[in-house]
Every structure is written in structure tokens, then in C-alpha cells.
Amino acid sequence: MTHSARTRADHGVYGISVAAELSGVGLQTLRLYERHELVSPARTDGGTRRYSDNDIDRIQRITGLVNAGVNLTAVRRILDLEDENAQLREQLAQLR
């Protein structure tokens, strides 16, 4: 992924209603995921949540894990490990 594509994917553009529709989860579920620090949407100066494409992907990953019977505490640990793994892979690719 190019830097500009990665930046676009990280840019919060969707309001919570659109994010709920795109991810297939309810508004309260999005708020729950945020309270559990599973997703951290960007905020406007006025405090409105803005979800990025990466946030939508992450929400769908969370939902898949929850549907498989994983509790939210374990989901957070899994996501942390996946994030760390991705960072290590990126560092390794840069070293090659």
C-alpha cells in the first residue's frame, strides 16, 4: 500500500451512522467497542466521531471475533498482537 493510500485509509470521514451501516453493527455496539478501546475513531473539533476505512475493517474484525465466541477483553489482546505483528512485518520489510 502506498503512503497516500495508507493515509486515505486512516483518514476519518464517516460519521457514526454511516460507520454502523458500512460495518453492519449498531450504534450502541460501536460505542461499546470504543469504551473497550477496541476502536478509536478520529474526532472533529466539535467532538463528532469520524471513522476511517481502517476503522471499518477493524470493526468487522472485532465483530467476527465476537461472533466466534471471543469476549471483548480477549478481542483487545488479539487485536494488540495483530497490530504488533503488522508493525514487525513492516519493519522487517524495510530492512530487506
PDB file of N, CA and C in Angstrom:
ATOM      1  N   MET A   1       0.852  -1.174   0.000  1.00  0.00           N
ATOM      2  CA  MET A   1       0.000   0.000   0.000  1.00  0.00           C
ATOM      3  C   MET A   1       0.897   1.236   0.000  1.00  0.00           C
ATOM      4  N   THR A   2       0.609   2.166  -0.843  1.00  0.00           N
ATOM      5  CA  THR A   2       1.401   3.380  -0.916  1.00  0.00           C
ATOM      6  C   THR A   2       1.088   4.262   0.286  1.00  0.00           C
ATOM      7  N   HIS A   3       1.983   5.206   0.530  1.00  0.00           N
ATOM      8  CA  HIS A   3       1.778   6.111   1.662  1.00  0.00           C
ATOM      9  C   HIS A   3       0.464   6.876   1.525  1.00  0.00           C
ATOM     10  N   SER A   4       0.162   7.377   0.324  1.00  0.00           N
ATOM     11  CA  SER A   4      -1.068   8.153   0.146  1.00  0.00           C
ATOM     12  C   SER A   4      -2.309   7.277   0.316  1.00  0.00           C
ATOM     13  N   ALA A   5      -2.243   6.028  -0.145  1.00  0.00           N
ATOM     14  CA  ALA A   5      -3.378   5.116   0.043  1.00  0.00           C
ATOM     15  C   ALA A   5      -3.555   4.787   1.527  1.00  0.00           C
ATOM     16  N   ARG A   6      -2.440   4.595   2.241  1.00  0.00           N
ATOM     17  CA  ARG A   6      -2.497   4.306   3.666  1.00  0.00           C
ATOM     18  C   ARG A   6      -3.078   5.507   4.409  1.00  0.00           C
ATOM     19  N   THR A   7      -2.677   6.713   4.029  1.00  0.00           N
ATOM     20  CA  THR A   7      -3.182   7.924   4.663  1.00  0.00           C
ATOM     21  C   THR A   7      -4.682   8.050   4.443  1.00  0.00           C
ATOM     22  N   ARG A   8      -5.143   7.793   3.233  1.00  0.00           N
ATOM     23  CA  ARG A   8      -6.590   7.846   2.952  1.00  0.00           C
ATOM     24  C   ARG A   8      -7.330   6.811   3.791  1.00  0.00           C
ATOM     25  N   ALA A   9      -6.776   5.633   3.924  1.00  0.00           N
ATOM     26  CA  ALA A   9      -7.429   4.574   4.690  1.00  0.00           C
ATOM     27  C   ALA A   9      -7.502   4.924   6.166  1.00  0.00           C
ATOM     28  N   ASP A  10      -6.569   5.753   6.647  1.00  0.00           N
ATOM     29  CA  ASP A  10      -6.531   6.164   8.049  1.00  0.00           C
ATOM     30  C   ASP A  10      -7.369   7.403   8.328  1.00  0.00           C
ATOM     31  N   HIS A  11      -7.777   8.115   7.283  1.00  0.00           N
ATOM     32  CA  HIS A  11      -8.472   9.395   7.436  1.00  0.00           C
ATOM     33  C   HIS A  11      -9.938   9.174   7.822  1.00  0.00           C
ATOM     34  N   GLY A  12     -10.343   9.746   8.948  1.00  0.00           N
ATOM     35  CA  GLY A  12     -11.724   9.611   9.403  1.00  0.00           C
ATOM     36  C   GLY A  12     -12.673  10.449   8.575  1.00  0.00           C
ATOM     37  N   VAL A  13     -13.573   9.787   7.862  1.00  0.00           N
ATOM     38  CA  VAL A  13     -14.512  10.511   7.004  1.00  0.00           C
ATOM     39  C   VAL A  13     -15.976  10.151   7.269  1.00  0.00           C
ATOM     40  N   TYR A  14     -16.223   9.002   7.917  1.00  0.00           N
ATOM     41  CA  TYR A  14     -17.596   8.535   8.093  1.00  0.00           C
ATOM     42  C   TYR A  14     -18.124   8.877   9.487  1.00  0.00           C
ATOM     43  N   GLY A  15     -19.329   9.431   9.514  1.00  0.00           N
ATOM     44  CA  GLY A  15     -19.998   9.633  10.792  1.00  0.00           C
ATOM     45  C   GLY A  15     -20.410   8.291  11.369  1.00  0.00           C
ATOM     46  N   ILE A  16     -20.857   8.289  12.604  1.00  0.00           N
ATOM     47  CA  ILE A  16     -21.160   7.036  13.295  1.00  0.00           C
ATOM     48  C   ILE A  16     -22.294   6.266  12.615  1.00  0.00           C
ATOM     49  N   SER A  17     -23.285   6.961  12.085  1.00  0.00           N
ATOM     50  CA  SER A  17     -24.401   6.267  11.420  1.00  0.00           C
ATOM     51  C   SER A  17     -23.935   5.550  10.162  1.00  0.00           C
ATOM     52  N   VAL A  18     -23.097   6.203   9.385  1.00  0.00           N
ATOM     53  CA  VAL A  18     -22.568   5.592   8.162  1.00  0.00           C
ATOM     54  C   VAL A  18     -21.634   4.443   8.533  1.00  0.00           C
ATOM     55  N   ALA A  19     -20.803   4.643   9.564  1.00  0.00           N
ATOM     56  CA  ALA A  19     -19.893   3.581  10.004  1.00  0.00           C
ATOM     57  C   ALA A  19     -20.677   2.358  10.459  1.00  0.00           C
ATOM     58  N   ALA A  20     -21.782   2.579  11.150  1.00  0.00           N
ATOM     59  CA  ALA A  20     -22.624   1.468  11.595  1.00  0.00           C
ATOM     60  C   ALA A  20     -23.180   0.714  10.390  1.00  0.00           C
ATOM     61  N   GLU A  21     -23.640   1.457   9.414  1.00  0.00           N
ATOM     62  CA  GLU A  21     -24.189   0.822   8.212  1.00  0.00           C
ATOM     63  C   GLU A  21     -23.111   0.058   7.446  1.00  0.00           C
ATOM     64  N   LEU A  22     -21.948   0.672   7.255  1.00  0.00           N
ATOM     65  CA  LEU A  22     -20.870   0.036   6.496  1.00  0.00           C
ATOM     66  C   LEU A  22     -20.323  -1.205   7.198  1.00  0.00           C
ATOM     67  N   SER A  23     -20.278  -1.161   8.522  1.00  0.00           N
ATOM     68  CA  SER A  23     -19.695  -2.274   9.272  1.00  0.00           C
ATOM     69  C   SER A  23     -20.722  -3.335   9.641  1.00  0.00           C
ATOM     70  N   GLY A  24     -21.993  -2.982   9.545  1.00  0.00           N
ATOM     71  CA  GLY A  24     -23.042  -3.949   9.856  1.00  0.00           C
ATOM     72  C   GLY A  24     -23.317  -4.115  11.338  1.00  0.00           C
ATOM     73  N   VAL A  25     -22.923  -3.134  12.158  1.00  0.00           N
ATOM     74  CA  VAL A  25     -23.204  -3.201  13.593  1.00  0.00           C
ATOM     75  C   VAL A  25     -23.994  -1.969  14.011  1.00  0.00           C
ATOM     76  N   GLY A  26     -24.629  -2.050  15.158  1.00  0.00           N
ATOM     77  CA  GLY A  26     -25.442  -0.953  15.649  1.00  0.00           C
ATOM     78  C   GLY A  26     -24.625   0.161  16.279  1.00  0.00           C
ATOM     79  N   LEU A  27     -25.259   1.296  16.455  1.00  0.00           N
ATOM     80  CA  LEU A  27     -24.609   2.462  17.055  1.00  0.00           C
ATOM     81  C   LEU A  27     -24.108   2.152  18.461  1.00  0.00           C
ATOM     82  N   GLN A  28     -24.929   1.485  19.259  1.00  0.00           N
ATOM     83  CA  GLN A  28     -24.524   1.163  20.627  1.00  0.00           C
ATOM     84  C   GLN A  28     -23.333   0.212  20.649  1.00  0.00           C
ATOM     85  N   THR A  29     -23.281  -0.682  19.677  1.00  0.00           N
ATOM     86  CA  THR A  29     -22.144  -1.607  19.591  1.00  0.00           C
ATOM     87  C   THR A  29     -20.867  -0.839  19.268  1.00  0.00           C
ATOM     88  N   LEU A  30     -20.951   0.126  18.363  1.00  0.00           N
ATOM     89  CA  LEU A  30     -19.781   0.960  18.060  1.00  0.00           C
ATOM     90  C   LEU A  30     -19.310   1.702  19.307  1.00  0.00           C
ATOM     91  N   ARG A  31     -20.247   2.237  20.059  1.00  0.00           N
ATOM     92  CA  ARG A  31     -19.887   2.955  21.287  1.00  0.00           C
ATOM     93  C   ARG A  31     -19.270   1.998  22.305  1.00  0.00           C
ATOM     94  N   LEU A  32     -19.802   0.785  22.392  1.00  0.00           N
ATOM     95  CA  LEU A  32     -19.254  -0.237  23.292  1.00  0.00           C
ATOM     96  C   LEU A  32     -17.816  -0.577  22.898  1.00  0.00           C
ATOM     97  N   TYR A  33     -17.575  -0.788  21.625  1.00  0.00           N
ATOM     98  CA  TYR A  33     -16.224  -1.087  21.152  1.00  0.00           C
ATOM     99  C   TYR A  33     -15.266   0.053  21.493  1.00  0.00           C
ATOM    100  N   GLU A  34     -15.760   1.276  21.387  1.00  0.00           N
ATOM    101  CA  GLU A  34     -14.916   2.422  21.719  1.00  0.00           C
ATOM    102  C   GLU A  34     -14.627   2.462  23.223  1.00  0.00           C
ATOM    103  N   ARG A  35     -15.642   2.205  24.049  1.00  0.00           N
ATOM    104  CA  ARG A  35     -15.435   2.188  25.503  1.00  0.00           C
ATOM    105  C   ARG A  35     -14.404   1.140  25.907  1.00  0.00           C
ATOM    106  N   HIS A  36     -14.389   0.029  25.197  1.00  0.00           N
ATOM    107  CA  HIS A  36     -13.420  -1.047  25.476  1.00  0.00           C
ATOM    108  C   HIS A  36     -12.080  -0.805  24.771  1.00  0.00           C
ATOM    109  N   GLU A  37     -11.940   0.367  24.146  1.00  0.00           N
ATOM    110  CA  GLU A  37     -10.711   0.773  23.460  1.00  0.00           C
ATOM    111  C   GLU A  37     -10.301  -0.197  22.348  1.00  0.00           C
ATOM    112  N   LEU A  38     -11.312  -0.737  21.681  1.00  0.00           N
ATOM    113  CA  LEU A  38     -11.073  -1.631  20.553  1.00  0.00           C
ATOM    114  C   LEU A  38     -10.957  -0.848  19.252  1.00  0.00           C
ATOM    115  N   VAL A  39     -11.585   0.307  19.214  1.00  0.00           N
ATOM    116  CA  VAL A  39     -11.529   1.192  18.053  1.00  0.00           C
ATOM    117  C   VAL A  39     -11.492   2.625  18.585  1.00  0.00           C
ATOM    118  N   SER A  40     -10.725   3.465  17.924  1.00  0.00           N
ATOM    119  CA  SER A  40     -10.586   4.861  18.354  1.00  0.00           C
ATOM    120  C   SER A  40     -10.776   5.781  17.153  1.00  0.00           C
ATOM    121  N   PRO A  41     -12.029   6.096  16.837  1.00  0.00           N
ATOM    122  CA  PRO A  41     -12.260   6.974  15.686  1.00  0.00           C
ATOM    123  C   PRO A  41     -11.692   8.366  15.945  1.00  0.00           C
ATOM    124  N   ALA A  42     -11.357   9.043  14.868  1.00  0.00           N
ATOM    125  CA  ALA A  42     -10.918  10.435  14.967  1.00  0.00           C
ATOM    126  C   ALA A  42     -12.107  11.261  15.460  1.00  0.00           C
ATOM    127  N   ARG A  43     -11.808  12.447  15.947  1.00  0.00           N
ATOM    128  CA  ARG A  43     -12.862  13.359  16.404  1.00  0.00           C
ATOM    129  C   ARG A  43     -12.695  14.711  15.723  1.00  0.00           C
ATOM    130  N   THR A  44     -13.809  15.316  15.395  1.00  0.00           N
ATOM    131  CA  THR A  44     -13.772  16.682  14.872  1.00  0.00           C
ATOM    132  C   THR A  44     -13.517  17.619  16.047  1.00  0.00           C
ATOM    133  N   ASP A  45     -13.293  18.886  15.759  1.00  0.00           N
ATOM    134  CA  ASP A  45     -13.113  19.879  16.825  1.00  0.00           C
ATOM    135  C   ASP A  45     -14.325  19.920  17.753  1.00  0.00           C
ATOM    136  N   GLY A  46     -15.487  19.626  17.200  1.00  0.00           N
ATOM    137  CA  GLY A  46     -16.714  19.610  17.992  1.00  0.00           C
ATOM    138  C   GLY A  46     -16.960  18.300  18.717  1.00  0.00           C
ATOM    139  N   GLY A  47     -16.079  17.301  18.528  1.00  0.00           N
ATOM    140  CA  GLY A  47     -16.197  16.031  19.235  1.00  0.00           C
ATOM    141  C   GLY A  47     -16.945  14.936  18.495  1.00  0.00           C
ATOM    142  N   THR A  48     -17.353  15.198  17.251  1.00  0.00           N
ATOM    143  CA  THR A  48     -18.069  14.203  16.469  1.00  0.00           C
ATOM    144  C   THR A  48     -17.112  13.102  16.018  1.00  0.00           C
ATOM    145  N   ARG A  49     -17.533  11.857  16.166  1.00  0.00           N
ATOM    146  CA  ARG A  49     -16.709  10.734  15.723  1.00  0.00           C
ATOM    147  C   ARG A  49     -16.610  10.710  14.206  1.00  0.00           C
ATOM    148  N   ARG A  50     -15.425  10.376  13.701  1.00  0.00           N
ATOM    149  CA  ARG A  50     -15.192  10.204  12.268  1.00  0.00           C
ATOM    150  C   ARG A  50     -14.400   8.918  12.078  1.00  0.00           C
ATOM    151  N   TYR A  51     -15.036   7.947  11.447  1.00  0.00           N
ATOM    152  CA  TYR A  51     -14.435   6.639  11.233  1.00  0.00           C
ATOM    153  C   TYR A  51     -13.747   6.578   9.878  1.00  0.00           C
ATOM    154  N   SER A  52     -12.629   5.891   9.835  1.00  0.00           N
ATOM    155  CA  SER A  52     -11.865   5.704   8.599  1.00  0.00           C
ATOM    156  C   SER A  52     -12.177   4.329   8.009  1.00  0.00           C
ATOM    157  N   ASP A  53     -11.672   4.090   6.805  1.00  0.00           N
ATOM    158  CA  ASP A  53     -11.809   2.758   6.207  1.00  0.00           C
ATOM    159  C   ASP A  53     -11.130   1.711   7.088  1.00  0.00           C
ATOM    160  N   ASN A  54      -9.980   2.053   7.670  1.00  0.00           N
ATOM    161  CA  ASN A  54      -9.298   1.115   8.570  1.00  0.00           C
ATOM    162  C   ASN A  54     -10.144   0.821   9.810  1.00  0.00           C
ATOM    163  N   ASP A  55     -10.835   1.849  10.330  1.00  0.00           N
ATOM    164  CA  ASP A  55     -11.729   1.626  11.470  1.00  0.00           C
ATOM    165  C   ASP A  55     -12.846   0.657  11.100  1.00  0.00           C
ATOM    166  N   ILE A  56     -13.413   0.823   9.918  1.00  0.00           N
ATOM    167  CA  ILE A  56     -14.496  -0.068   9.467  1.00  0.00           C
ATOM    168  C   ILE A  56     -13.981  -1.503   9.377  1.00  0.00           C
ATOM    169  N   ASP A  57     -12.795  -1.687   8.799  1.00  0.00           N
ATOM    170  CA  ASP A  57     -12.200  -3.023   8.716  1.00  0.00           C
ATOM    171  C   ASP A  57     -11.989  -3.608  10.113  1.00  0.00           C
ATOM    172  N   ARG A  58     -11.501  -2.783  11.031  1.00  0.00           N
ATOM    173  CA  ARG A  58     -11.242  -3.242  12.396  1.00  0.00           C
ATOM    174  C   ARG A  58     -12.549  -3.636  13.088  1.00  0.00           C
ATOM    175  N   ILE A  59     -13.594  -2.852  12.897  1.00  0.00           N
ATOM    176  CA  ILE A  59     -14.902  -3.164  13.486  1.00  0.00           C
ATOM    177  C   ILE A  59     -15.405  -4.506  12.969  1.00  0.00           C
ATOM    178  N   GLN A  60     -15.246  -4.739  11.678  1.00  0.00           N
ATOM    179  CA  GLN A  60     -15.672  -6.022  11.112  1.00  0.00           C
ATOM    180  C   GLN A  60     -14.843  -7.177  11.676  1.00  0.00           C
ATOM    181  N   ARG A  61     -13.558  -6.959  11.915  1.00  0.00           N
ATOM    182  CA  ARG A  61     -12.701  -7.979  12.532  1.00  0.00           C
ATOM    183  C   ARG A  61     -13.171  -8.257  13.961  1.00  0.00           C
ATOM    184  N   ILE A  62     -13.469  -7.202  14.714  1.00  0.00           N
ATOM    185  CA  ILE A  62     -13.963  -7.354  16.086  1.00  0.00           C
ATOM    186  C   ILE A  62     -15.256  -8.159  16.084  1.00  0.00           C
ATOM    187  N   THR A  63     -16.173  -7.784  15.204  1.00  0.00           N
ATOM    188  CA  THR A  63     -17.464  -8.461  15.132  1.00  0.00           C
ATOM    189  C   THR A  63     -17.292  -9.942  14.806  1.00  0.00           C
ATOM    190  N   GLY A  64     -16.377 -10.259  13.889  1.00  0.00           N
ATOM    191  CA  GLY A  64     -16.109 -11.650  13.562  1.00  0.00           C
ATOM    192  C   GLY A  64     -15.600 -12.434  14.756  1.00  0.00           C
ATOM    193  N   LEU A  65     -14.708 -11.826  15.531  1.00  0.00           N
ATOM    194  CA  LEU A  65     -14.192 -12.498  16.724  1.00  0.00           C
ATOM    195  C   LEU A  65     -15.287 -12.686  17.769  1.00  0.00           C
ATOM    196  N   VAL A  66     -16.093 -11.657  17.983  1.00  0.00           N
ATOM    197  CA  VAL A  66     -17.197 -11.749  18.949  1.00  0.00           C
ATOM    198  C   VAL A  66     -18.182 -12.833  18.514  1.00  0.00           C
ATOM    199  N   ASN A  67     -18.501 -12.874  17.225  1.00  0.00           N
ATOM    200  CA  ASN A  67     -19.420 -13.896  16.717  1.00  0.00           C
ATOM    201  C   ASN A  67     -18.859 -15.302  16.854  1.00  0.00           C
ATOM    202  N   ALA A  68     -17.523 -15.412  16.930  1.00  0.00           N
ATOM    203  CA  ALA A  68     -16.872 -16.712  17.132  1.00  0.00           C
ATOM    204  C   ALA A  68     -16.798 -17.078  18.616  1.00  0.00           C
ATOM    205  N   GLY A  69     -17.325 -16.198  19.478  1.00  0.00           N
ATOM    206  CA  GLY A  69     -17.376 -16.500  20.899  1.00  0.00           C
ATOM    207  C   GLY A  69     -16.261 -15.901  21.741  1.00  0.00           C
ATOM    208  N   VAL A  70     -15.475 -15.006  21.161  1.00  0.00           N
ATOM    209  CA  VAL A  70     -14.373 -14.387  21.894  1.00  0.00           C
ATOM    210  C   VAL A  70     -14.913 -13.185  22.672  1.00  0.00           C
ATOM    211  N   ASN A  71     -14.552 -13.082  23.969  1.00  0.00           N
ATOM    212  CA  ASN A  71     -15.019 -11.941  24.765  1.00  0.00           C
ATOM    213  C   ASN A  71     -14.202 -10.695  24.426  1.00  0.00           C
ATOM    214  N   LEU A  72     -14.706  -9.532  24.806  1.00  0.00           N
ATOM    215  CA  LEU A  72     -14.092  -8.273  24.390  1.00  0.00           C
ATOM    216  C   LEU A  72     -12.692  -8.073  24.966  1.00  0.00           C
ATOM    217  N   THR A  73     -12.435  -8.587  26.158  1.00  0.00           N
ATOM    218  CA  THR A  73     -11.088  -8.492  26.723  1.00  0.00           C
ATOM    219  C   THR A  73     -10.098  -9.272  25.870  1.00  0.00           C
ATOM    220  N   ALA A  74     -10.485 -10.473  25.472  1.00  0.00           N
ATOM    221  CA  ALA A  74      -9.628 -11.286  24.607  1.00  0.00           C
ATOM    222  C   ALA A  74      -9.505 -10.672  23.214  1.00  0.00           C
ATOM    223  N   VAL A  75     -10.580 -10.081  22.707  1.00  0.00           N
ATOM    224  CA  VAL A  75     -10.543  -9.412  21.403  1.00  0.00           C
ATOM    225  C   VAL A  75      -9.483  -8.312  21.430  1.00  0.00           C
ATOM    226  N   ARG A  76      -9.473  -7.539  22.503  1.00  0.00           N
ATOM    227  CA  ARG A  76      -8.479  -6.455  22.606  1.00  0.00           C
ATOM    228  C   ARG A  76      -7.067  -7.012  22.558  1.00  0.00           C
ATOM    229  N   ARG A  77      -6.818  -8.098  23.262  1.00  0.00           N
ATOM    230  CA  ARG A  77      -5.480  -8.704  23.267  1.00  0.00           C
ATOM    231  C   ARG A  77      -5.118  -9.219  21.880  1.00  0.00           C
ATOM    232  N   ILE A  78      -6.054  -9.874  21.219  1.00  0.00           N
ATOM    233  CA  ILE A  78      -5.823 -10.391  19.862  1.00  0.00           C
ATOM    234  C   ILE A  78      -5.477  -9.244  18.917  1.00  0.00           C
ATOM    235  N   LEU A  79      -6.259  -8.160  18.975  1.00  0.00           N
ATOM    236  CA  LEU A  79      -6.006  -7.013  18.099  1.00  0.00           C
ATOM    237  C   LEU A  79      -4.653  -6.376  18.394  1.00  0.00           C
ATOM    238  N   ASP A  80      -4.302  -6.278  19.681  1.00  0.00           N
ATOM    239  CA  ASP A  80      -2.986  -5.741  20.041  1.00  0.00           C
ATOM    240  C   ASP A  80      -1.874  -6.584  19.440  1.00  0.00           C
ATOM    241  N   LEU A  81      -2.005  -7.900  19.523  1.00  0.00           N
ATOM    242  CA  LEU A  81      -0.997  -8.800  18.962  1.00  0.00           C
ATOM    243  C   LEU A  81      -0.948  -8.707  17.439  1.00  0.00           C
ATOM    244  N   GLU A  82      -2.108  -8.601  16.805  1.00  0.00           N
ATOM    245  CA  GLU A  82      -2.138  -8.451  15.349  1.00  0.00           C
ATOM    246  C   GLU A  82      -1.491  -7.139  14.922  1.00  0.00           C
ATOM    247  N   ASP A  83      -1.758  -6.062  15.669  1.00  0.00           N
ATOM    248  CA  ASP A  83      -1.151  -4.762  15.356  1.00  0.00           C
ATOM    249  C   ASP A  83       0.373  -4.831  15.510  1.00  0.00           C
ATOM    250  N   GLU A  84       0.816  -5.461  16.587  1.00  0.00           N
ATOM    251  CA  GLU A  84       2.254  -5.595  16.821  1.00  0.00           C
ATOM    252  C   GLU A  84       2.898  -6.428  15.717  1.00  0.00           C
ATOM    253  N   ASN A  85       2.247  -7.492  15.321  1.00  0.00           N
ATOM    254  CA  ASN A  85       2.751  -8.347  14.248  1.00  0.00           C
ATOM    255  C   ASN A  85       2.868  -7.564  12.946  1.00  0.00           C
ATOM    256  N   ALA A  86       1.864  -6.761  12.628  1.00  0.00           N
ATOM    257  CA  ALA A  86       1.890  -5.953  11.401  1.00  0.00           C
ATOM    258  C   ALA A  86       3.044  -4.950  11.433  1.00  0.00           C
ATOM    259  N   GLN A  87       3.283  -4.345  12.591  1.00  0.00           N
ATOM    260  CA  GLN A  87       4.391  -3.394  12.717  1.00  0.00           C
ATOM    261  C   GLN A  87       5.734  -4.100  12.516  1.00  0.00           C
ATOM    262  N   LEU A  88       5.863  -5.279  13.093  1.00  0.00           N
ATOM    263  CA  LEU A  88       7.105  -6.027  12.947  1.00  0.00           C
ATOM    264  C   LEU A  88       7.325  -6.447  11.496  1.00  0.00           C
ATOM    265  N   ARG A  89       6.260  -6.853  10.825  1.00  0.00           N
ATOM    266  CA  ARG A  89       6.377  -7.222   9.410  1.00  0.00           C
ATOM    267  C   ARG A  89       6.808  -6.020   8.560  1.00  0.00           C
ATOM    268  N   GLU A  90       6.251  -4.854   8.876  1.00  0.00           N
ATOM    269  CA  GLU A  90       6.616  -3.642   8.142  1.00  0.00           C
ATOM    270  C   GLU A  90       8.086  -3.287   8.386  1.00  0.00           C
ATOM    271  N   GLN A  91       8.536  -3.403   9.615  1.00  0.00           N
ATOM    272  CA  GLN A  91       9.944  -3.138   9.933  1.00  0.00           C
ATOM    273  C   GLN A  91      10.864  -4.117   9.213  1.00  0.00           C
ATOM    274  N   LEU A  92      10.462  -5.377   9.188  1.00  0.00           N
ATOM    275  CA  LEU A  92      11.260  -6.404   8.512  1.00  0.00           C
ATOM    276  C   LEU A  92      11.338  -6.111   7.014  1.00  0.00           C
ATOM    277  N   ALA A  93      10.215  -5.713   6.432  1.00  0.00           N
ATOM    278  CA  ALA A  93      10.205  -5.394   5.003  1.00  0.00           C
ATOM    279  C   ALA A  93      11.129  -4.214   4.700  1.00  0.00           C
ATOM    280  N   GLN A  94      11.170  -3.244   5.595  1.00  0.00           N
ATOM    281  CA  GLN A  94      12.051  -2.089   5.391  1.00  0.00           C
ATOM    282  C   GLN A  94      13.519  -2.474   5.503  1.00  0.00           C
ATOM    283  N   LEU A  95      13.816  -3.469   6.318  1.00  0.00           N
ATOM    284  CA  LEU A  95      15.201  -3.912   6.480  1.00  0.00           C
ATOM    285  C   LEU A  95      15.694  -4.721   5.289  1.00  0.00           C
ATOM    286  N   ARG A  96      14.773  -5.328   4.578  1.00  0.00           N
ATOM    287  CA  ARG A  96      15.155  -6.174   3.435  1.00  0.00           C
ATOM    288  C   ARG A  96      15.511  -5.385   2.262  1.00  0.00           C
TER     289      ARG A  96
END
